[in-house]
Protein backbone atom coordinates (compact mmCIF):
# COMPACT_ATOMS: atom_id res chain seq x y z
CA UNK A 1 8.41 6.49 29.07
CA UNK A 2 8.27 3.18 27.29
CA UNK A 3 7.92 2.92 23.54
CA UNK A 4 4.54 1.53 22.64
CA UNK A 5 5.05 0.99 18.90
CA UNK A 6 6.51 -1.95 17.06
CA UNK A 7 8.32 -1.80 13.71
CA UNK A 8 8.05 -4.85 11.49
CA UNK A 9 9.19 -6.31 8.16
CA UNK A 10 6.50 -8.88 7.35
CA UNK A 11 7.12 -11.91 5.16
CA UNK A 12 5.80 -11.83 1.65
CA UNK A 13 7.02 -8.39 0.64
CA UNK A 14 10.44 -7.31 -0.52
CA UNK A 15 13.01 -5.76 1.78
CA UNK A 16 12.65 -2.02 2.37
CA UNK A 17 14.67 0.18 0.03
CA UNK A 18 16.42 1.92 2.90
CA UNK A 19 16.59 2.21 6.67
CA UNK A 20 12.90 2.05 7.48
CA UNK A 21 10.25 -0.53 8.34
CA UNK A 22 7.31 -1.62 6.17
CA UNK A 23 4.98 -1.02 9.07
CA UNK A 24 4.68 0.39 12.53
CA UNK A 25 2.02 -0.72 14.94
CA UNK A 26 0.73 0.97 18.07
CA UNK A 27 -2.13 -0.96 19.58
CA UNK A 28 -4.85 -1.32 16.94
CA UNK A 29 -3.31 1.25 14.55
CA UNK A 30 -0.96 0.19 11.78
CA UNK A 31 0.92 2.61 9.50
CA UNK A 32 2.04 0.99 6.25
CA UNK A 33 5.04 2.62 4.62
CA UNK A 34 4.66 3.68 1.01
CA UNK A 35 4.66 0.57 -1.15
CA UNK A 36 5.99 0.44 -4.70
CA UNK A 37 5.65 -2.17 -7.46
CA UNK A 38 8.31 -4.54 -6.17
CA UNK A 39 7.42 -8.18 -5.52
CA UNK A 40 8.67 -10.28 -2.60
CA UNK A 41 11.92 -11.02 -4.35
CA UNK A 42 12.57 -7.28 -4.98
CA UNK A 43 11.78 -7.48 -8.73
CA UNK A 44 9.77 -4.69 -10.33
CA UNK A 45 6.34 -6.06 -11.32
CA UNK A 46 6.51 -4.28 -14.69
CA UNK A 47 7.40 -1.01 -16.39
CA UNK A 48 3.73 0.01 -16.81
CA UNK A 49 1.51 1.69 -14.25
CA UNK A 50 -1.11 -1.05 -14.19
CA UNK A 51 1.33 -3.83 -13.24
CA UNK A 52 2.98 -1.67 -10.61
CA UNK A 53 -0.31 -0.55 -9.06
CA UNK A 54 -1.58 -4.15 -8.84
CA UNK A 55 1.66 -5.14 -7.06
CA UNK A 56 1.35 -2.16 -4.69
CA UNK A 57 -2.14 -3.22 -3.62
CA UNK A 58 -0.94 -6.86 -3.26
CA UNK A 59 1.90 -5.67 -1.03
CA UNK A 60 -0.45 -3.62 1.14
CA UNK A 61 -2.82 -6.58 1.42
CA UNK A 62 0.06 -8.83 2.48
CA UNK A 63 1.27 -6.37 5.09
CA UNK A 64 -2.22 -5.81 6.55
CA UNK A 65 -2.89 -9.59 6.61
CA UNK A 66 0.37 -10.12 8.49
CA UNK A 67 -1.25 -8.13 11.32
CA UNK A 68 -4.52 -10.03 11.27
CA UNK A 69 -6.51 -7.57 9.17
CA UNK A 70 -7.73 -7.25 5.63
CA UNK A 71 -8.14 -4.36 3.24
CA UNK A 72 -11.46 -3.43 4.89
CA UNK A 73 -9.26 -2.47 7.86
CA UNK A 74 -7.70 0.39 5.84
CA UNK A 75 -8.77 3.77 7.14
CA UNK A 76 -7.03 5.83 4.45
CA UNK A 77 -4.67 5.56 1.47
CA UNK A 78 -2.26 8.23 0.32
CA UNK A 79 -1.17 7.73 -3.31
CA UNK A 80 1.87 9.29 -4.94
CA UNK A 81 1.57 9.12 -8.71
CA UNK A 82 4.27 10.13 -11.18
CA UNK A 83 2.94 12.51 -13.83
CA UNK A 84 -0.45 13.99 -14.49
CA UNK A 85 -0.67 11.86 -17.65
CA UNK A 86 -1.05 8.77 -15.43
CA UNK A 87 -4.09 9.95 -13.46
CA UNK A 88 -6.73 8.43 -15.74
CA UNK A 89 -4.77 5.19 -16.06
CA UNK A 90 -4.46 4.94 -12.30
CA UNK A 91 -8.24 5.49 -11.94
CA UNK A 92 -8.80 2.75 -14.54
CA UNK A 93 -6.58 0.29 -12.68
CA UNK A 94 -8.25 1.13 -9.40
CA UNK A 95 -11.68 0.66 -10.98
CA UNK A 96 -10.50 -2.77 -12.20
CA UNK A 97 -8.96 -4.06 -8.94
CA UNK A 98 -11.17 -2.47 -6.25
CA UNK A 99 -14.26 -4.62 -6.92
CA UNK A 100 -12.10 -7.70 -6.10
CA UNK A 101 -10.39 -6.05 -3.13
CA UNK A 102 -13.60 -4.46 -1.80
CA UNK A 103 -16.51 -6.66 -2.93
CA UNK A 104 -18.97 -4.70 -0.78
CA UNK A 105 -18.20 -1.52 -2.81
CA UNK A 106 -17.09 0.49 0.22
CA UNK A 107 -13.71 2.09 -0.45
CA UNK A 108 -11.45 3.87 1.99
CA UNK A 109 -10.60 7.56 1.54
CA UNK A 110 -7.65 8.34 -0.70
CA UNK A 111 -5.49 11.37 -1.19
CA UNK A 112 -3.84 11.46 -4.63
CA UNK A 113 -0.67 13.51 -5.03
CA UNK A 114 1.00 13.94 -8.40
CA UNK A 115 4.78 14.06 -8.14
CA UNK A 116 7.74 14.53 -10.49
CA UNK A 117 9.27 11.19 -9.53
CA UNK A 118 9.67 8.68 -6.73
CA UNK A 119 12.78 7.31 -5.04
CA UNK A 120 13.75 5.39 -8.23
CA UNK A 121 12.88 6.67 -11.68
CA UNK A 122 11.28 3.38 -12.76
CA UNK A 123 8.61 3.59 -10.01
CA UNK A 124 5.37 5.12 -11.23
CA UNK A 125 3.15 4.81 -8.11
CA UNK A 126 3.61 4.55 -4.34
CA UNK A 127 0.81 4.08 -1.82
CA UNK A 128 0.84 4.24 1.93
CA UNK A 129 -1.98 3.23 4.25
CA UNK A 130 -3.32 3.85 7.75
CA UNK A 131 -5.06 0.77 9.14
CA UNK A 132 -7.23 0.09 12.20
CA UNK A 133 -7.37 -3.48 13.44
CA UNK A 134 -10.14 -3.09 15.99
CA UNK A 135 -13.40 -4.99 15.98
CA UNK A 136 -14.06 -4.17 12.33
CA UNK A 137 -11.16 -6.24 11.01
CA UNK A 138 -11.83 -9.67 9.62
CA UNK A 139 -8.68 -11.79 9.62
């Protein structure tokens, strides 16, 4: 049986933090690995949740664009947020950036999980995405 998925490290995002790929693609489906607030050079975007969340969404956008899609191609986000005290701040950041990312006002589903910490203690948010690049994507 031949493998029908491709694993990629697109340009414009930092190197993965371990032995994994930023995305896997099988036909029109793309699975984006959890993204943290690191920029393309591997530098943390900031020590605050807002800066990290903005960078996370920028990373996801870059990865999806590398496959010919845009954020409207996202079927679902899963968000990992450190600490219940950050929930309202995350909602505020999302309310700030989503109108730019989704000007039509149609947002993909999101599951929000509150965790004790992420792979590094300085990371406050991590978001993964499932993307469909069929006829609804606009490159």
